[in-house]
PDB file of all heavy atoms in Angstrom:
ATOM      1  N   LEU A   1      18.586 -31.807-149.558  1.00  0.00           N
ATOM      2  CA  LEU A   1      19.894 -32.397-149.713  1.00  0.00           C
ATOM      3  C   LEU A   1      20.864 -31.279-150.168  1.00  0.00           C
ATOM      4  O   LEU A   1      20.563 -30.444-151.107  1.00  0.00           O
ATOM      5  CB  LEU A   1      19.700 -33.495-150.915  1.00  0.00           C
ATOM      6  CG  LEU A   1      18.762 -34.521-150.673  1.00  0.00           C
ATOM      7  CD1 LEU A   1      18.489 -35.330-151.879  1.00  0.00           C
ATOM      8  CD2 LEU A   1      19.154 -35.425-149.542  1.00  0.00           C
ATOM      9  N   ASP A   2      22.142 -31.452-149.747  1.00  0.00           N
ATOM     10  CA  ASP A   2      23.221 -30.621-150.126  1.00  0.00           C
ATOM     11  C   ASP A   2      23.612 -31.024-151.522  1.00  0.00           C
ATOM     12  O   ASP A   2      23.723 -32.415-151.717  1.00  0.00           O
ATOM     13  CB  ASP A   2      24.299 -30.536-149.116  1.00  0.00           C
ATOM     14  CG  ASP A   2      25.226 -29.399-149.240  1.00  0.00           C
ATOM     15  OD1 ASP A   2      25.431 -28.922-150.342  1.00  0.00           O
ATOM     16  OD2 ASP A   2      25.603 -28.795-148.241  1.00  0.00           O
ATOM     17  N   MET A   3      24.157 -30.193-152.415  1.00  0.00           N
ATOM     18  CA  MET A   3      24.641 -30.645-153.621  1.00  0.00           C
ATOM     19  C   MET A   3      25.913 -31.417-153.613  1.00  0.00           C
ATOM     20  O   MET A   3      26.295 -32.256-154.275  1.00  0.00           O
ATOM     21  CB  MET A   3      24.808 -29.511-154.644  1.00  0.00           C
ATOM     22  CG  MET A   3      23.376 -29.013-155.180  1.00  0.00           C
ATOM     23  SD  MET A   3      22.489 -30.293-156.098  1.00  0.00           S
ATOM     24  CE  MET A   3      23.558 -30.621-157.523  1.00  0.00           C
ATOM     25  N   VAL A   4      26.805 -30.952-152.580  1.00  0.00           N
ATOM     26  CA  VAL A   4      28.114 -31.557-152.374  1.00  0.00           C
ATOM     27  C   VAL A   4      28.133 -32.365-151.223  1.00  0.00           C
ATOM     28  O   VAL A   4      27.798 -31.989-150.125  1.00  0.00           O
ATOM     29  CB  VAL A   4      29.199 -30.430-152.343  1.00  0.00           C
ATOM     30  CG1 VAL A   4      30.579 -31.066-152.145  1.00  0.00           C
ATOM     31  CG2 VAL A   4      29.237 -29.561-153.602  1.00  0.00           C
ATOM     32  N   LEU A   5      28.363 -33.698-151.377  1.00  0.00           N
ATOM     33  CA  LEU A   5      28.360 -34.630-150.322  1.00  0.00           C
ATOM     34  C   LEU A   5      29.709 -35.457-150.184  1.00  0.00           C
ATOM     35  O   LEU A   5      30.327 -35.509-151.209  1.00  0.00           O
ATOM     36  CB  LEU A   5      27.134 -35.610-150.449  1.00  0.00           C
ATOM     37  CG  LEU A   5      25.772 -35.051-150.472  1.00  0.00           C
ATOM     38  CD1 LEU A   5      24.865 -36.070-150.902  1.00  0.00           C
ATOM     39  CD2 LEU A   5      25.389 -34.484-149.116  1.00  0.00           C
ATOM     40  N   PRO A   6      30.009 -35.925-149.100  1.00  0.00           N
ATOM     41  CA  PRO A   6      31.253 -36.674-148.993  1.00  0.00           C
ATOM     42  C   PRO A   6      31.134 -38.083-149.631  1.00  0.00           C
ATOM     43  O   PRO A   6      30.047 -38.510-149.827  1.00  0.00           O
ATOM     44  CB  PRO A   6      31.519 -36.725-147.375  1.00  0.00           C
ATOM     45  CG  PRO A   6      30.115 -36.669-146.823  1.00  0.00           C
ATOM     46  CD  PRO A   6      29.350 -35.722-147.748  1.00  0.00           C
ATOM     47  N   GLY A   7      32.125 -38.626-149.882  1.00  0.00           N
ATOM     48  CA  GLY A   7      32.209 -40.037-150.484  1.00  0.00           C
ATOM     49  C   GLY A   7      31.981 -40.178-151.949  1.00  0.00           C
ATOM     50  O   GLY A   7      31.609 -41.295-152.344  1.00  0.00           O
ATOM     51  N   GLY A   8      32.080 -39.132-152.607  1.00  0.00           N
ATOM     52  CA  GLY A   8      32.020 -39.144-154.065  1.00  0.00           C
ATOM     53  C   GLY A   8      30.564 -39.141-154.660  1.00  0.00           C
ATOM     54  O   GLY A   8      30.437 -39.354-155.894  1.00  0.00           O
ATOM     55  N   THR A   9      29.586 -38.823-153.906  1.00  0.00           N
ATOM     56  CA  THR A   9      28.248 -38.706-154.364  1.00  0.00           C
ATOM     57  C   THR A   9      27.833 -37.270-154.366  1.00  0.00           C
ATOM     58  O   THR A   9      28.674 -36.451-153.933  1.00  0.00           O
ATOM     59  CB  THR A   9      27.249 -39.712-153.637  1.00  0.00           C
ATOM     60  OG1 THR A   9      26.042 -39.614-154.387  1.00  0.00           O
ATOM     61  CG2 THR A   9      26.972 -39.200-152.190  1.00  0.00           C
ATOM     62  N   ASN A  10      26.668 -37.037-154.828  1.00  0.00           N
ATOM     63  CA  ASN A  10      26.074 -35.704-154.725  1.00  0.00           C
ATOM     64  C   ASN A  10      24.650 -35.593-154.395  1.00  0.00           C
ATOM     65  O   ASN A  10      23.998 -36.775-154.469  1.00  0.00           O
ATOM     66  CB  ASN A  10      26.480 -34.913-156.014  1.00  0.00           C
ATOM     67  CG  ASN A  10      25.871 -35.516-157.253  1.00  0.00           C
ATOM     68  OD1 ASN A  10      24.713 -35.824-157.222  1.00  0.00           O
ATOM     69  ND2 ASN A  10      26.655 -35.716-158.248  1.00  0.00           N
ATOM     70  N   GLY A  11      24.059 -34.579-154.234  1.00  0.00           N
ATOM     71  CA  GLY A  11      22.666 -34.437-153.812  1.00  0.00           C
ATOM     72  C   GLY A  11      21.754 -34.963-154.974  1.00  0.00           C
ATOM     73  O   GLY A  11      20.652 -35.528-154.662  1.00  0.00           O
ATOM     74  N   TRP A  12      22.132 -34.739-156.255  1.00  0.00           N
ATOM     75  CA  TRP A  12      21.261 -35.153-157.403  1.00  0.00           C
ATOM     76  C   TRP A  12      21.193 -36.645-157.411  1.00  0.00           C
ATOM     77  O   TRP A  12      20.156 -37.297-157.497  1.00  0.00           O
ATOM     78  CB  TRP A  12      21.930 -34.608-158.631  1.00  0.00           C
ATOM     79  CG  TRP A  12      21.099 -35.038-159.920  1.00  0.00           C
ATOM     80  CD1 TRP A  12      21.586 -35.886-160.810  1.00  0.00           C
ATOM     81  CD2 TRP A  12      19.762 -34.687-160.290  1.00  0.00           C
ATOM     82  NE1 TRP A  12      20.548 -36.094-161.811  1.00  0.00           N
ATOM     83  CE2 TRP A  12      19.353 -35.336-161.316  1.00  0.00           C
ATOM     84  CE3 TRP A  12      18.797 -33.882-159.612  1.00  0.00           C
ATOM     85  CZ2 TRP A  12      18.229 -35.258-161.986  1.00  0.00           C
ATOM     86  CZ3 TRP A  12      17.543 -33.811-160.278  1.00  0.00           C
ATOM     87  CH2 TRP A  12      17.236 -34.468-161.455  1.00  0.00           C
ATOM     88  N   THR A  13      22.371 -37.372-157.268  1.00  0.00           N
ATOM     89  CA  THR A  13      22.369 -38.850-157.265  1.00  0.00           C
ATOM     90  C   THR A  13      21.578 -39.383-156.040  1.00  0.00           C
ATOM     91  O   THR A  13      20.831 -40.334-156.210  1.00  0.00           O
ATOM     92  CB  THR A  13      23.874 -39.374-157.112  1.00  0.00           C
ATOM     93  OG1 THR A  13      24.592 -38.790-158.344  1.00  0.00           O
ATOM     94  CG2 THR A  13      24.016 -40.882-157.291  1.00  0.00           C
ATOM     95  N   LEU A  14      21.740 -38.799-154.858  1.00  0.00           N
ATOM     96  CA  LEU A  14      21.115 -39.254-153.759  1.00  0.00           C
ATOM     97  C   LEU A  14      19.584 -39.046-153.944  1.00  0.00           C
ATOM     98  O   LEU A  14      18.684 -39.865-153.451  1.00  0.00           O
ATOM     99  CB  LEU A  14      21.632 -38.627-152.471  1.00  0.00           C
ATOM    100  CG  LEU A  14      21.095 -39.022-151.139  1.00  0.00           C
ATOM    101  CD1 LEU A  14      21.261 -40.547-150.907  1.00  0.00           C
ATOM    102  CD2 LEU A  14      21.749 -38.204-149.992  1.00  0.00           C
ATOM    103  N   SER A  15      19.249 -37.988-154.412  1.00  0.00           N
ATOM    104  CA  SER A  15      17.802 -37.666-154.674  1.00  0.00           C
ATOM    105  C   SER A  15      17.104 -38.792-155.600  1.00  0.00           C
ATOM    106  O   SER A  15      16.091 -39.167-155.226  1.00  0.00           O
ATOM    107  CB  SER A  15      17.589 -36.240-155.324  1.00  0.00           C
ATOM    108  OG  SER A  15      16.301 -36.041-155.687  1.00  0.00           O
ATOM    109  N   LYS A  16      17.789 -39.125-156.627  1.00  0.00           N
ATOM    110  CA  LYS A  16      17.237 -40.124-157.428  1.00  0.00           C
ATOM    111  C   LYS A  16      16.999 -41.478-156.733  1.00  0.00           C
ATOM    112  O   LYS A  16      16.011 -42.073-156.916  1.00  0.00           O
ATOM    113  CB  LYS A  16      18.145 -40.401-158.732  1.00  0.00           C
ATOM    114  CG  LYS A  16      18.118 -39.186-159.678  1.00  0.00           C
ATOM    115  CD  LYS A  16      18.935 -39.519-160.940  1.00  0.00           C
ATOM    116  CE  LYS A  16      18.099 -39.587-161.916  1.00  0.00           C
ATOM    117  NZ  LYS A  16      18.288 -39.692-163.257  1.00  0.00           N
ATOM    118  N   ALA A  17      18.012 -41.825-155.932  1.00  0.00           N
ATOM    119  CA  ALA A  17      17.934 -43.114-155.052  1.00  0.00           C
ATOM    120  C   ALA A  17      16.745 -42.989-154.119  1.00  0.00           C
ATOM    121  O   ALA A  17      15.966 -43.905-153.931  1.00  0.00           O
ATOM    122  CB  ALA A  17      19.196 -43.392-154.442  1.00  0.00           C
ATOM    123  N   LEU A  18      16.642 -41.870-153.408  1.00  0.00           N
ATOM    124  CA  LEU A  18      15.618 -41.680-152.312  1.00  0.00           C
ATOM    125  C   LEU A  18      14.250 -41.535-152.930  1.00  0.00           C
ATOM    126  O   LEU A  18      13.304 -42.028-152.392  1.00  0.00           O
ATOM    127  CB  LEU A  18      15.955 -40.495-151.432  1.00  0.00           C
ATOM    128  CG  LEU A  18      17.221 -40.690-150.640  1.00  0.00           C
ATOM    129  CD1 LEU A  18      17.576 -39.376-149.908  1.00  0.00           C
ATOM    130  CD2 LEU A  18      17.008 -41.839-149.589  1.00  0.00           C
ATOM    131  N   THR A  19      14.091 -40.889-154.089  1.00  0.00           N
ATOM    132  CA  THR A  19      12.811 -40.755-154.621  1.00  0.00           C
ATOM    133  C   THR A  19      12.261 -41.996-155.307  1.00  0.00           C
ATOM    134  O   THR A  19      11.089 -42.194-155.361  1.00  0.00           O
ATOM    135  CB  THR A  19      12.620 -39.564-155.672  1.00  0.00           C
ATOM    136  OG1 THR A  19      13.632 -39.751-156.597  1.00  0.00           O
ATOM    137  CG2 THR A  19      12.761 -38.269-154.912  1.00  0.00           C
ATOM    138  N   ALA A  20      13.131 -42.891-155.605  1.00  0.00           N
ATOM    139  CA  ALA A  20      12.709 -44.169-155.973  1.00  0.00           C
ATOM    140  C   ALA A  20      12.052 -44.976-154.845  1.00  0.00           C
ATOM    141  O   ALA A  20      11.132 -45.830-155.073  1.00  0.00           O
ATOM    142  CB  ALA A  20      13.972 -45.060-156.551  1.00  0.00           C
ATOM    143  N   LEU A  21      12.534 -44.742-153.689  1.00  0.00           N
ATOM    144  CA  LEU A  21      12.007 -45.340-152.438  1.00  0.00           C
ATOM    145  C   LEU A  21      10.778 -44.573-151.905  1.00  0.00           C
ATOM    146  O   LEU A  21       9.947 -45.126-151.292  1.00  0.00           O
ATOM    147  CB  LEU A  21      13.023 -45.414-151.395  1.00  0.00           C
ATOM    148  CG  LEU A  21      14.305 -46.354-151.568  1.00  0.00           C
ATOM    149  CD1 LEU A  21      15.300 -46.101-150.499  1.00  0.00           C
ATOM    150  CD2 LEU A  21      13.881 -47.748-151.819  1.00  0.00           C
ATOM    151  N   CYS A  22      10.694 -43.342-152.065  1.00  0.00           N
ATOM    152  CA  CYS A  22       9.713 -42.425-151.528  1.00  0.00           C
ATOM    153  C   CYS A  22       9.203 -41.443-152.645  1.00  0.00           C
ATOM    154  O   CYS A  22       9.587 -40.338-152.505  1.00  0.00           O
ATOM    155  CB  CYS A  22      10.195 -41.754-150.346  1.00  0.00           C
ATOM    156  SG  CYS A  22       8.923 -41.062-149.256  1.00  0.00           S
ATOM    157  N   PRO A  23       8.553 -41.996-153.652  1.00  0.00           N
ATOM    158  CA  PRO A  23       8.253 -41.075-154.824  1.00  0.00           C
ATOM    159  C   PRO A  23       7.299 -39.844-154.527  1.00  0.00           C
ATOM    160  O   PRO A  23       7.459 -38.925-155.369  1.00  0.00           O
ATOM    161  CB  PRO A  23       7.600 -42.111-155.848  1.00  0.00           C
ATOM    162  CG  PRO A  23       7.113 -43.152-155.011  1.00  0.00           C
ATOM    163  CD  PRO A  23       7.948 -43.295-153.782  1.00  0.00           C
ATOM    164  N   GLN A  24       6.701 -39.845-153.472  1.00  0.00           N
ATOM    165  CA  GLN A  24       5.777 -38.683-153.165  1.00  0.00           C
ATOM    166  C   GLN A  24       6.566 -37.457-152.640  1.00  0.00           C
ATOM    167  O   GLN A  24       6.030 -36.382-152.460  1.00  0.00           O
ATOM    168  CB  GLN A  24       4.584 -39.046-152.326  1.00  0.00           C
ATOM    169  CG  GLN A  24       4.995 -39.234-150.835  1.00  0.00           C
ATOM    170  CD  GLN A  24       5.579 -40.687-150.520  1.00  0.00           C
ATOM    171  OE1 GLN A  24       5.667 -41.406-151.434  1.00  0.00           O
ATOM    172  NE2 GLN A  24       5.819 -40.896-149.257  1.00  0.00           N
ATOM    173  N   ALA A  25       7.784 -37.790-152.167  1.00  0.00           N
ATOM    174  CA  ALA A  25       8.638 -36.704-151.560  1.00  0.00           C
ATOM    175  C   ALA A  25       9.055 -35.698-152.586  1.00  0.00           C
ATOM    176  O   ALA A  25       9.447 -36.024-153.615  1.00  0.00           O
ATOM    177  CB  ALA A  25       9.667 -37.360-150.800  1.00  0.00           C
ATOM    178  N   ALA A  26       9.014 -34.372-152.149  1.00  0.00           N
ATOM    179  CA  ALA A  26       9.544 -33.275-152.886  1.00  0.00           C
ATOM    180  C   ALA A  26      11.019 -33.144-152.576  1.00  0.00           C
ATOM    181  O   ALA A  26      11.474 -33.593-151.524  1.00  0.00           O
ATOM    182  CB  ALA A  26       8.797 -31.990-152.734  1.00  0.00           C
ATOM    183  N   THR A  27      11.934 -32.615-153.383  1.00  0.00           N
ATOM    184  CA  THR A  27      13.253 -32.394-153.146  1.00  0.00           C
ATOM    185  C   THR A  27      13.661 -30.918-153.160  1.00  0.00           C
ATOM    186  O   THR A  27      13.237 -30.309-154.144  1.00  0.00           O
ATOM    187  CB  THR A  27      14.195 -33.300-154.119  1.00  0.00           C
ATOM    188  OG1 THR A  27      13.676 -34.581-154.046  1.00  0.00           O
ATOM    189  CG2 THR A  27      15.627 -33.104-153.720  1.00  0.00           C
ATOM    190  N   VAL A  28      14.444 -30.536-152.169  1.00  0.00           N
ATOM    191  CA  VAL A  28      15.015 -29.165-152.168  1.00  0.00           C
ATOM    192  C   VAL A  28      16.472 -29.398-152.096  1.00  0.00           C
ATOM    193  O   VAL A  28      17.027 -30.174-151.294  1.00  0.00           O
ATOM    194  CB  VAL A  28      14.484 -28.201-150.902  1.00  0.00           C
ATOM    195  CG1 VAL A  28      15.297 -27.081-150.823  1.00  0.00           C
ATOM    196  CG2 VAL A  28      13.034 -28.090-151.045  1.00  0.00           C
ATOM    197  N   PHE A  29      17.189 -28.755-153.062  1.00  0.00           N
ATOM    198  CA  PHE A  29      18.773 -28.856-153.101  1.00  0.00           C
ATOM    199  C   PHE A  29      19.202 -27.625-152.332  1.00  0.00           C
ATOM    200  O   PHE A  29      18.653 -26.599-152.550  1.00  0.00           O
ATOM    201  CB  PHE A  29      19.227 -28.979-154.419  1.00  0.00           C
ATOM    202  CG  PHE A  29      18.812 -30.189-155.118  1.00  0.00           C
ATOM    203  CD1 PHE A  29      17.679 -30.250-155.964  1.00  0.00           C
ATOM    204  CD2 PHE A  29      19.377 -31.491-154.829  1.00  0.00           C
ATOM    205  CE1 PHE A  29      17.273 -31.416-156.531  1.00  0.00           C
ATOM    206  CE2 PHE A  29      19.042 -32.604-155.438  1.00  0.00           C
ATOM    207  CZ  PHE A  29      17.891 -32.618-156.341  1.00  0.00           C
ATOM    208  N   MET A  30      20.307 -27.728-151.687  1.00  0.00           N
ATOM    209  CA  MET A  30      21.009 -26.583-151.186  1.00  0.00           C
ATOM    210  C   MET A  30      22.443 -26.570-151.558  1.00  0.00           C
ATOM    211  O   MET A  30      23.046 -27.699-151.747  1.00  0.00           O
ATOM    212  CB  MET A  30      20.824 -26.433-149.617  1.00  0.00           C
ATOM    213  CG  MET A  30      21.266 -27.568-148.807  1.00  0.00           C
ATOM    214  SD  MET A  30      20.971 -27.267-147.027  1.00  0.00           S
ATOM    215  CE  MET A  30      21.313 -28.839-146.388  1.00  0.00           C
ATOM    216  N   SER A  31      23.041 -25.260-151.638  1.00  0.00           N
ATOM    217  CA  SER A  31      24.385 -25.215-152.033  1.00  0.00           C
ATOM    218  C   SER A  31      24.947 -23.977-151.791  1.00  0.00           C
ATOM    219  O   SER A  31      24.278 -22.989-151.662  1.00  0.00           O
ATOM    220  CB  SER A  31      24.600 -25.535-153.640  1.00  0.00           C
ATOM    221  OG  SER A  31      25.934 -25.385-153.951  1.00  0.00           O
ATOM    222  N   GLY A  32      26.213 -23.932-151.485  1.00  0.00           N
ATOM    223  CA  GLY A  32      26.975 -22.687-151.326  1.00  0.00           C
ATOM    224  C   GLY A  32      27.416 -22.152-152.613  1.00  0.00           C
ATOM    225  O   GLY A  32      27.941 -20.966-152.712  1.00  0.00           O
ATOM    226  N   TYR A  33      27.422 -22.972-153.745  1.00  0.00           N
ATOM    227  CA  TYR A  33      27.766 -22.477-155.064  1.00  0.00           C
ATOM    228  C   TYR A  33      26.693 -21.445-155.494  1.00  0.00           C
ATOM    229  O   TYR A  33      25.539 -21.648-155.102  1.00  0.00           O
ATOM    230  CB  TYR A  33      27.943 -23.577-155.934  1.00  0.00           C
ATOM    231  CG  TYR A  33      29.189 -24.386-155.614  1.00  0.00           C
ATOM    232  CD1 TYR A  33      29.130 -25.617-155.042  1.00  0.00           C
ATOM    233  CD2 TYR A  33      30.464 -23.939-156.010  1.00  0.00           C
ATOM    234  CE1 TYR A  33      30.298 -26.345-154.627  1.00  0.00           C
ATOM    235  CE2 TYR A  33      31.523 -24.701-155.688  1.00  0.00           C
ATOM    236  CZ  TYR A  33      31.367 -25.944-155.012  1.00  0.00           C
ATOM    237  OH  TYR A  33      32.541 -26.622-154.754  1.00  0.00           O
ATOM    238  N   THR A  34      26.976 -20.659-156.409  1.00  0.00           N
ATOM    239  CA  THR A  34      26.019 -19.720-156.994  1.00  0.00           C
ATOM    240  C   THR A  34      24.980 -20.481-157.819  1.00  0.00           C
ATOM    241  O   THR A  34      25.256 -21.584-158.360  1.00  0.00           O
ATOM    242  CB  THR A  34      26.590 -18.641-157.879  1.00  0.00           C
ATOM    243  OG1 THR A  34      27.131 -19.338-158.996  1.00  0.00           O
ATOM    244  CG2 THR A  34      27.669 -17.894-157.075  1.00  0.00           C
ATOM    245  N   GLU A  35      23.745 -19.945-157.883  1.00  0.00           N
ATOM    246  CA  GLU A  35      22.806 -20.595-158.801  1.00  0.00           C
ATOM    247  C   GLU A  35      23.278 -20.662-160.142  1.00  0.00           C
ATOM    248  O   GLU A  35      22.997 -21.606-160.867  1.00  0.00           O
ATOM    249  CB  GLU A  35      21.535 -19.672-158.826  1.00  0.00           C
ATOM    250  CG  GLU A  35      20.499 -19.919-157.693  1.00  0.00           C
ATOM    251  CD  GLU A  35      19.222 -19.135-157.933  1.00  0.00           C
ATOM    252  OE1 GLU A  35      18.689 -19.138-159.064  1.00  0.00           O
ATOM    253  OE2 GLU A  35      18.803 -18.600-157.027  1.00  0.00           O
ATOM    254  N   ASN A  36      24.041 -19.660-160.634  1.00  0.00           N
ATOM    255  CA  ASN A  36      24.552 -19.668-162.000  1.00  0.00           C
ATOM    256  C   ASN A  36      25.452 -20.934-162.192  1.00  0.00           C
ATOM    257  O   ASN A  36      25.277 -21.657-163.126  1.00  0.00           O
ATOM    258  CB  ASN A  36      25.313 -18.427-162.279  1.00  0.00           C
ATOM    259  CG  ASN A  36      25.729 -18.288-163.724  1.00  0.00           C
ATOM    260  OD1 ASN A  36      24.982 -18.589-164.623  1.00  0.00           O
ATOM    261  ND2 ASN A  36      26.939 -17.762-163.923  1.00  0.00           N
TER     262      ASN A  36
END
């Protein structure tokens, strides 16, 4: 999941919703922003 998504949501919010449906899945976030 990208951290910045269109429509006012973000990767973190989407991750919470998707892992509720599929709790065994691991999540990798990606971003063009720095780790810092």
